[in-house]
Amino acid sequence: MTPFRGYLAALLSALAAGPISAEAPTLSVGDLAMLAGETGMVVVSGDIDGQSTFGVEIMAELVARPGNTGTVTFTEAPPVDILQVGDPWPAMGAFTPFDTDMTSSPDRNGSIDDSGSWIPTPVTFSGPMTAFPVVTTPDAQGVWDVTLATSDGDSSFWEELDTTLYNGTITVTGGQAIPTVSEWGLIVLALLLIGAGVLVIAHRLEPRTD
């Protein structure tokens, strides 16, 4: 076979296989670093480049790693405090949050955003989409995985499209030290001693009347 015929055969084979598909759309979780005892935001972003869809579903679950202490949970509803921070269909469709009152678990949150039509149309979008508030207990420390597929089998996806998922993490380090019972005792004792010292000094500074 001549080089030209080989090239022609490869071209015909590629045409028969159909057009080269665009890169799969993605959903990804941004990593988050927090202190124990504070509240933060887990942000899920999306990327899609011209593929046809009519909605996007996000399901997020918090999974503790072995050796962690304390807990990290989504803030409980009511009130529903999930935020839409980006919209592939601005001024169209609807955004539906699934807070802990809907998922029945403080470890799960979700959302659905749609175009308002069941007809897939080309969409191009890149950026943050949904923010899920999380809270850490004062004794929390370790790494929690934020997965876009739950242990019940629910998964995140752009409607009617194969979607690549990128999980994220929440890393929690110790926050402001909280005095223990014995430390509180020392603090109270120190305050009493300071107070007594002030009284003694004040007494010595009083003018004598004799």
C-alpha atoms as a PDB file:
ATOM      1  CA  MET A   1       0.000   0.000   0.000  1.00  0.00           C
ATOM      2  CA  THR A   2       1.382   3.403  -0.947  1.00  0.00           C
ATOM      3  CA  PRO A   3       1.687   6.107   1.726  1.00  0.00           C
ATOM      4  CA  PHE A   4      -1.170   8.034   0.094  1.00  0.00           C
ATOM      5  CA  ARG A   5      -3.486   5.010   0.143  1.00  0.00           C
ATOM      6  CA  GLY A   6      -2.527   4.358   3.771  1.00  0.00           C
ATOM      7  CA  TYR A   7      -3.376   7.933   4.689  1.00  0.00           C
ATOM      8  CA  LEU A   8      -6.666   7.719   2.773  1.00  0.00           C
ATOM      9  CA  ALA A   9      -7.598   4.472   4.516  1.00  0.00           C
ATOM     10  CA  ALA A  10      -6.901   6.008   7.928  1.00  0.00           C
ATOM     11  CA  LEU A  11      -8.970   9.086   7.065  1.00  0.00           C
ATOM     12  CA  LEU A  12     -11.919   6.993   5.867  1.00  0.00           C
ATOM     13  CA  SER A  13     -11.708   4.883   9.023  1.00  0.00           C
ATOM     14  CA  ALA A  14     -11.786   7.991  11.204  1.00  0.00           C
ATOM     15  CA  LEU A  15     -14.764   9.396   9.321  1.00  0.00           C
ATOM     16  CA  ALA A  16     -16.620   6.108   9.674  1.00  0.00           C
ATOM     17  CA  ALA A  17     -16.037   6.185  13.428  1.00  0.00           C
ATOM     18  CA  GLY A  18     -17.732   9.576  13.622  1.00  0.00           C
ATOM     19  CA  PRO A  19     -16.533  12.966  14.886  1.00  0.00           C
ATOM     20  CA  ILE A  20     -13.926  13.131  17.618  1.00  0.00           C
ATOM     21  CA  SER A  21     -15.769  13.772  20.875  1.00  0.00           C
ATOM     22  CA  ALA A  22     -14.930  16.795  22.997  1.00  0.00           C
ATOM     23  CA  GLU A  23     -13.304  16.346  26.367  1.00  0.00           C
ATOM     24  CA  ALA A  24     -15.793  15.073  28.945  1.00  0.00           C
ATOM     25  CA  PRO A  25     -17.366  17.743  31.161  1.00  0.00           C
ATOM     26  CA  THR A  26     -16.167  17.799  34.752  1.00  0.00           C
ATOM     27  CA  LEU A  27     -17.325  18.513  38.281  1.00  0.00           C
ATOM     28  CA  SER A  28     -14.692  19.155  40.942  1.00  0.00           C
ATOM     29  CA  VAL A  29     -14.427  19.957  44.652  1.00  0.00           C
ATOM     30  CA  GLY A  30     -12.037  22.654  45.810  1.00  0.00           C
ATOM     31  CA  ASP A  31      -9.727  21.669  48.683  1.00  0.00           C
ATOM     32  CA  LEU A  32     -10.380  23.499  51.948  1.00  0.00           C
ATOM     33  CA  ALA A  33      -8.208  24.166  55.008  1.00  0.00           C
ATOM     34  CA  MET A  34      -9.982  24.997  58.276  1.00  0.00           C
ATOM     35  CA  LEU A  35      -9.352  25.496  61.961  1.00  0.00           C
ATOM     36  CA  ALA A  36     -11.193  23.423  64.536  1.00  0.00           C
ATOM     37  CA  GLY A  37     -14.393  25.078  65.718  1.00  0.00           C
ATOM     38  CA  GLU A  38     -14.986  27.256  62.664  1.00  0.00           C
ATOM     39  CA  THR A  39     -17.350  27.342  59.669  1.00  0.00           C
ATOM     40  CA  GLY A  40     -16.230  27.264  56.030  1.00  0.00           C
ATOM     41  CA  MET A  41     -17.499  26.687  52.501  1.00  0.00           C
ATOM     42  CA  VAL A  42     -16.996  23.643  50.283  1.00  0.00           C
ATOM     43  CA  VAL A  43     -17.213  24.857  46.685  1.00  0.00           C
ATOM     44  CA  VAL A  44     -18.046  22.591  43.729  1.00  0.00           C
ATOM     45  CA  SER A  45     -17.061  23.843  40.275  1.00  0.00           C
ATOM     46  CA  GLY A  46     -17.987  22.683  36.802  1.00  0.00           C
ATOM     47  CA  ASP A  47     -16.493  22.763  33.332  1.00  0.00           C
ATOM     48  CA  ILE A  48     -18.317  22.026  30.099  1.00  0.00           C
ATOM     49  CA  ASP A  49     -17.303  23.032  26.567  1.00  0.00           C
ATOM     50  CA  GLY A  50     -20.173  23.033  24.107  1.00  0.00           C
ATOM     51  CA  GLN A  51     -21.698  19.647  24.936  1.00  0.00           C
ATOM     52  CA  SER A  52     -25.483  19.398  24.971  1.00  0.00           C
ATOM     53  CA  THR A  53     -27.264  19.084  28.301  1.00  0.00           C
ATOM     54  CA  PHE A  54     -30.199  20.568  30.186  1.00  0.00           C
ATOM     55  CA  GLY A  55     -29.060  20.341  33.804  1.00  0.00           C
ATOM     56  CA  VAL A  56     -26.430  19.419  36.342  1.00  0.00           C
ATOM     57  CA  GLU A  57     -26.837  17.422  39.550  1.00  0.00           C
ATOM     58  CA  ILE A  58     -24.358  17.667  42.413  1.00  0.00           C
ATOM     59  CA  MET A  59     -24.275  15.248  45.350  1.00  0.00           C
ATOM     60  CA  ALA A  60     -21.530  15.686  47.954  1.00  0.00           C
ATOM     61  CA  GLU A  61     -20.640  13.496  50.931  1.00  0.00           C
ATOM     62  CA  LEU A  62     -18.150  14.047  53.773  1.00  0.00           C
ATOM     63  CA  VAL A  63     -16.053  10.974  54.595  1.00  0.00           C
ATOM     64  CA  ALA A  64     -13.736  10.928  57.623  1.00  0.00           C
ATOM     65  CA  ARG A  65     -10.356   9.271  57.282  1.00  0.00           C
ATOM     66  CA  PRO A  66      -9.084   6.849  59.949  1.00  0.00           C
ATOM     67  CA  GLY A  67      -7.430   8.584  62.880  1.00  0.00           C
ATOM     68  CA  ASN A  68      -9.472  11.775  62.669  1.00  0.00           C
ATOM     69  CA  THR A  69     -10.806  13.339  65.844  1.00  0.00           C
ATOM     70  CA  GLY A  70     -14.012  15.330  66.257  1.00  0.00           C
ATOM     71  CA  THR A  71     -16.425  15.835  63.381  1.00  0.00           C
ATOM     72  CA  VAL A  72     -16.926  17.866  60.230  1.00  0.00           C
ATOM     73  CA  THR A  73     -20.519  18.160  59.008  1.00  0.00           C
ATOM     74  CA  PHE A  74     -22.625  20.249  56.692  1.00  0.00           C
ATOM     75  CA  THR A  75     -24.476  22.946  58.623  1.00  0.00           C
ATOM     76  CA  GLU A  76     -27.931  21.678  59.465  1.00  0.00           C
ATOM     77  CA  ALA A  77     -31.162  23.064  58.039  1.00  0.00           C
ATOM     78  CA  PRO A  78     -33.303  24.949  58.742  1.00  0.00           C
ATOM     79  CA  PRO A  79     -32.393  27.407  57.500  1.00  0.00           C
ATOM     80  CA  VAL A  80     -31.319  26.117  54.116  1.00  0.00           C
ATOM     81  CA  ASP A  81     -27.981  27.832  53.534  1.00  0.00           C
ATOM     82  CA  ILE A  82     -26.642  26.197  50.346  1.00  0.00           C
ATOM     83  CA  LEU A  83     -25.594  28.914  47.905  1.00  0.00           C
ATOM     84  CA  GLN A  84     -25.679  29.049  44.114  1.00  0.00           C
ATOM     85  CA  VAL A  85     -22.470  30.872  43.168  1.00  0.00           C
ATOM     86  CA  GLY A  86     -22.487  30.260  39.416  1.00  0.00           C
ATOM     87  CA  ASP A  87     -25.161  29.395  36.840  1.00  0.00           C
ATOM     88  CA  PRO A  88     -24.691  27.821  33.385  1.00  0.00           C
ATOM     89  CA  TRP A  89     -28.196  29.079  32.545  1.00  0.00           C
ATOM     90  CA  PRO A  90     -28.428  32.624  33.963  1.00  0.00           C
ATOM     91  CA  ALA A  91     -31.965  33.957  34.318  1.00  0.00           C
ATOM     92  CA  MET A  92     -33.338  30.579  33.190  1.00  0.00           C
ATOM     93  CA  GLY A  93     -34.551  27.393  34.845  1.00  0.00           C
ATOM     94  CA  ALA A  94     -34.341  26.716  38.559  1.00  0.00           C
ATOM     95  CA  PHE A  95     -31.817  25.997  41.296  1.00  0.00           C
ATOM     96  CA  THR A  96     -32.886  23.422  43.899  1.00  0.00           C
ATOM     97  CA  PRO A  97     -30.745  22.916  47.040  1.00  0.00           C
ATOM     98  CA  PHE A  98     -30.773  19.641  48.964  1.00  0.00           C
ATOM     99  CA  ASP A  99     -29.728  20.527  52.500  1.00  0.00           C
ATOM    100  CA  THR A 100     -29.561  18.153  55.473  1.00  0.00           C
ATOM    101  CA  ASP A 101     -33.349  18.358  55.910  1.00  0.00           C
ATOM    102  CA  MET A 102     -33.710  16.744  52.471  1.00  0.00           C
ATOM    103  CA  THR A 103     -30.772  14.317  52.511  1.00  0.00           C
ATOM    104  CA  SER A 104     -31.507  13.188  56.110  1.00  0.00           C
ATOM    105  CA  SER A 105     -27.794  13.262  56.893  1.00  0.00           C
ATOM    106  CA  PRO A 106     -25.384  15.938  58.170  1.00  0.00           C
ATOM    107  CA  ASP A 107     -22.740  14.311  55.955  1.00  0.00           C
ATOM    108  CA  ARG A 108     -24.584  14.932  52.669  1.00  0.00           C
ATOM    109  CA  ASN A 109     -25.664  17.960  50.683  1.00  0.00           C
ATOM    110  CA  GLY A 110     -26.694  18.408  47.079  1.00  0.00           C
ATOM    111  CA  SER A 111     -28.179  20.649  44.425  1.00  0.00           C
ATOM    112  CA  ILE A 112     -29.807  20.520  41.009  1.00  0.00           C
ATOM    113  CA  ASP A 113     -29.558  23.314  38.461  1.00  0.00           C
ATOM    114  CA  ASP A 114     -31.491  23.119  35.194  1.00  0.00           C
ATOM    115  CA  SER A 115     -32.219  25.181  32.122  1.00  0.00           C
ATOM    116  CA  GLY A 116     -35.984  24.988  32.501  1.00  0.00           C
ATOM    117  CA  SER A 117     -36.285  22.666  29.513  1.00  0.00           C
ATOM    118  CA  TRP A 118     -35.908  18.926  29.023  1.00  0.00           C
ATOM    119  CA  ILE A 119     -34.264  19.590  25.659  1.00  0.00           C
ATOM    120  CA  PRO A 120     -30.448  19.294  25.657  1.00  0.00           C
ATOM    121  CA  THR A 121     -28.722  22.301  24.114  1.00  0.00           C
ATOM    122  CA  PRO A 122     -25.003  23.186  23.809  1.00  0.00           C
ATOM    123  CA  VAL A 123     -23.590  24.693  27.007  1.00  0.00           C
ATOM    124  CA  THR A 124     -20.250  26.332  27.708  1.00  0.00           C
ATOM    125  CA  PHE A 125     -19.414  27.129  31.320  1.00  0.00           C
ATOM    126  CA  SER A 126     -16.390  27.124  33.628  1.00  0.00           C
ATOM    127  CA  GLY A 127     -16.312  28.150  37.270  1.00  0.00           C
ATOM    128  CA  PRO A 128     -17.786  27.715  40.751  1.00  0.00           C
ATOM    129  CA  MET A 129     -21.374  26.491  40.888  1.00  0.00           C
ATOM    130  CA  THR A 130     -22.503  25.548  44.397  1.00  0.00           C
ATOM    131  CA  ALA A 131     -21.185  26.333  47.892  1.00  0.00           C
ATOM    132  CA  PHE A 132     -21.987  24.025  50.804  1.00  0.00           C
ATOM    133  CA  PRO A 133     -21.339  25.427  54.329  1.00  0.00           C
ATOM    134  CA  VAL A 134     -19.501  23.055  56.696  1.00  0.00           C
ATOM    135  CA  VAL A 135     -18.739  23.305  60.408  1.00  0.00           C
ATOM    136  CA  THR A 136     -16.004  21.683  62.497  1.00  0.00           C
ATOM    137  CA  THR A 137     -16.231  20.781  66.173  1.00  0.00           C
ATOM    138  CA  PRO A 138     -13.665  22.316  68.587  1.00  0.00           C
ATOM    139  CA  ASP A 139     -11.857  18.960  68.867  1.00  0.00           C
ATOM    140  CA  ALA A 140     -11.766  18.262  65.101  1.00  0.00           C
ATOM    141  CA  GLN A 141      -8.444  17.401  63.523  1.00  0.00           C
ATOM    142  CA  GLY A 142      -7.476  15.400  60.439  1.00  0.00           C
ATOM    143  CA  VAL A 143      -8.499  15.077  56.794  1.00  0.00           C
ATOM    144  CA  TRP A 144     -12.026  14.545  55.470  1.00  0.00           C
ATOM    145  CA  ASP A 145     -12.677  13.543  51.858  1.00  0.00           C
ATOM    146  CA  VAL A 146     -15.439  15.355  49.995  1.00  0.00           C
ATOM    147  CA  THR A 147     -16.745  12.882  47.413  1.00  0.00           C
ATOM    148  CA  LEU A 148     -19.069  13.604  44.489  1.00  0.00           C
ATOM    149  CA  ALA A 149     -20.570  10.114  44.721  1.00  0.00           C
ATOM    150  CA  THR A 150     -22.280   9.007  47.929  1.00  0.00           C
ATOM    151  CA  SER A 151     -22.192   5.691  49.740  1.00  0.00           C
ATOM    152  CA  ASP A 152     -25.847   5.205  48.740  1.00  0.00           C
ATOM    153  CA  GLY A 153     -24.934   5.221  45.048  1.00  0.00           C
ATOM    154  CA  ASP A 154     -26.001   8.775  44.206  1.00  0.00           C
ATOM    155  CA  SER A 155     -23.564  10.471  41.843  1.00  0.00           C
ATOM    156  CA  SER A 156     -22.928  13.923  40.432  1.00  0.00           C
ATOM    157  CA  PHE A 157     -23.268  14.496  36.675  1.00  0.00           C
ATOM    158  CA  TRP A 158     -24.189  16.778  33.817  1.00  0.00           C
ATOM    159  CA  GLU A 159     -27.506  15.447  32.498  1.00  0.00           C
ATOM    160  CA  GLU A 160     -27.143  12.838  29.709  1.00  0.00           C
ATOM    161  CA  LEU A 161     -23.355  13.225  29.643  1.00  0.00           C
ATOM    162  CA  ASP A 162     -20.481  11.133  30.934  1.00  0.00           C
ATOM    163  CA  THR A 163     -18.946  13.329  33.602  1.00  0.00           C
ATOM    164  CA  THR A 164     -15.456  13.241  35.086  1.00  0.00           C
ATOM    165  CA  LEU A 165     -15.521  13.766  38.866  1.00  0.00           C
ATOM    166  CA  TYR A 166     -12.694  15.170  40.973  1.00  0.00           C
ATOM    167  CA  ASN A 167     -13.089  14.796  44.729  1.00  0.00           C
ATOM    168  CA  GLY A 168     -11.607  17.225  47.247  1.00  0.00           C
ATOM    169  CA  THR A 169     -10.479  17.330  50.866  1.00  0.00           C
ATOM    170  CA  ILE A 170     -11.062  19.304  54.043  1.00  0.00           C
ATOM    171  CA  THR A 171      -7.965  19.535  56.241  1.00  0.00           C
ATOM    172  CA  VAL A 172      -8.650  20.586  59.840  1.00  0.00           C
ATOM    173  CA  THR A 173      -5.949  21.709  62.249  1.00  0.00           C
ATOM    174  CA  GLY A 174      -6.197  22.714  65.901  1.00  0.00           C
ATOM    175  CA  GLY A 175      -7.797  26.061  66.585  1.00  0.00           C
ATOM    176  CA  GLN A 176      -7.732  28.374  69.605  1.00  0.00           C
ATOM    177  CA  ALA A 177      -6.747  26.412  72.704  1.00  0.00           C
ATOM    178  CA  ILE A 178      -9.631  25.920  75.144  1.00  0.00           C
ATOM    179  CA  PRO A 179      -8.555  25.823  78.824  1.00  0.00           C
ATOM    180  CA  THR A 180      -9.113  22.508  80.589  1.00  0.00           C
ATOM    181  CA  VAL A 181     -10.803  22.304  84.009  1.00  0.00           C
ATOM    182  CA  SER A 182      -7.444  22.462  85.800  1.00  0.00           C
ATOM    183  CA  GLU A 183      -6.395  25.443  83.674  1.00  0.00           C
ATOM    184  CA  TRP A 184      -9.611  27.245  84.517  1.00  0.00           C
ATOM    185  CA  GLY A 185      -8.788  26.682  88.174  1.00  0.00           C
ATOM    186  CA  LEU A 186      -5.372  28.240  87.711  1.00  0.00           C
ATOM    187  CA  ILE A 187      -6.898  31.191  85.865  1.00  0.00           C
ATOM    188  CA  VAL A 188      -9.434  31.810  88.652  1.00  0.00           C
ATOM    189  CA  LEU A 189      -6.699  31.519  91.268  1.00  0.00           C
ATOM    190  CA  ALA A 190      -4.530  34.002  89.370  1.00  0.00           C
ATOM    191  CA  LEU A 191      -7.428  36.477  89.128  1.00  0.00           C
ATOM    192  CA  LEU A 192      -8.096  36.130  92.868  1.00  0.00           C
ATOM    193  CA  LEU A 193      -4.430  36.737  93.676  1.00  0.00           C
ATOM    194  CA  ILE A 194      -4.342  39.782  91.388  1.00  0.00           C
ATOM    195  CA  GLY A 195      -7.492  41.104  93.031  1.00  0.00           C
ATOM    196  CA  ALA A 196      -6.074  40.555  96.514  1.00  0.00           C
ATOM    197  CA  GLY A 197      -2.853  42.300  95.530  1.00  0.00           C
ATOM    198  CA  VAL A 198      -4.785  45.306  94.254  1.00  0.00           C
ATOM    199  CA  LEU A 199      -6.697  45.538  97.551  1.00  0.00           C
ATOM    200  CA  VAL A 200      -3.480  45.363  99.578  1.00  0.00           C
ATOM    201  CA  ILE A 201      -1.833  48.084  97.500  1.00  0.00           C
ATOM    202  CA  ALA A 202      -4.944  50.267  97.693  1.00  0.00           C
ATOM    203  CA  HIS A 203      -5.046  49.828 101.448  1.00  0.00           C
ATOM    204  CA  ARG A 204      -1.406  50.821 101.829  1.00  0.00           C
ATOM    205  CA  LEU A 205      -1.945  53.915  99.690  1.00  0.00           C
ATOM    206  CA  GLU A 206      -4.856  55.177 101.846  1.00  0.00           C
ATOM    207  CA  PRO A 207      -3.954  58.309 103.848  1.00  0.00           C
ATOM    208  CA  ARG A 208      -3.460  57.672 107.568  1.00  0.00           C
ATOM    209  CA  THR A 209      -5.786  59.530 109.913  1.00  0.00           C
ATOM    210  CA  ASP A 210      -3.942  58.900 113.231  1.00  0.00           C
END
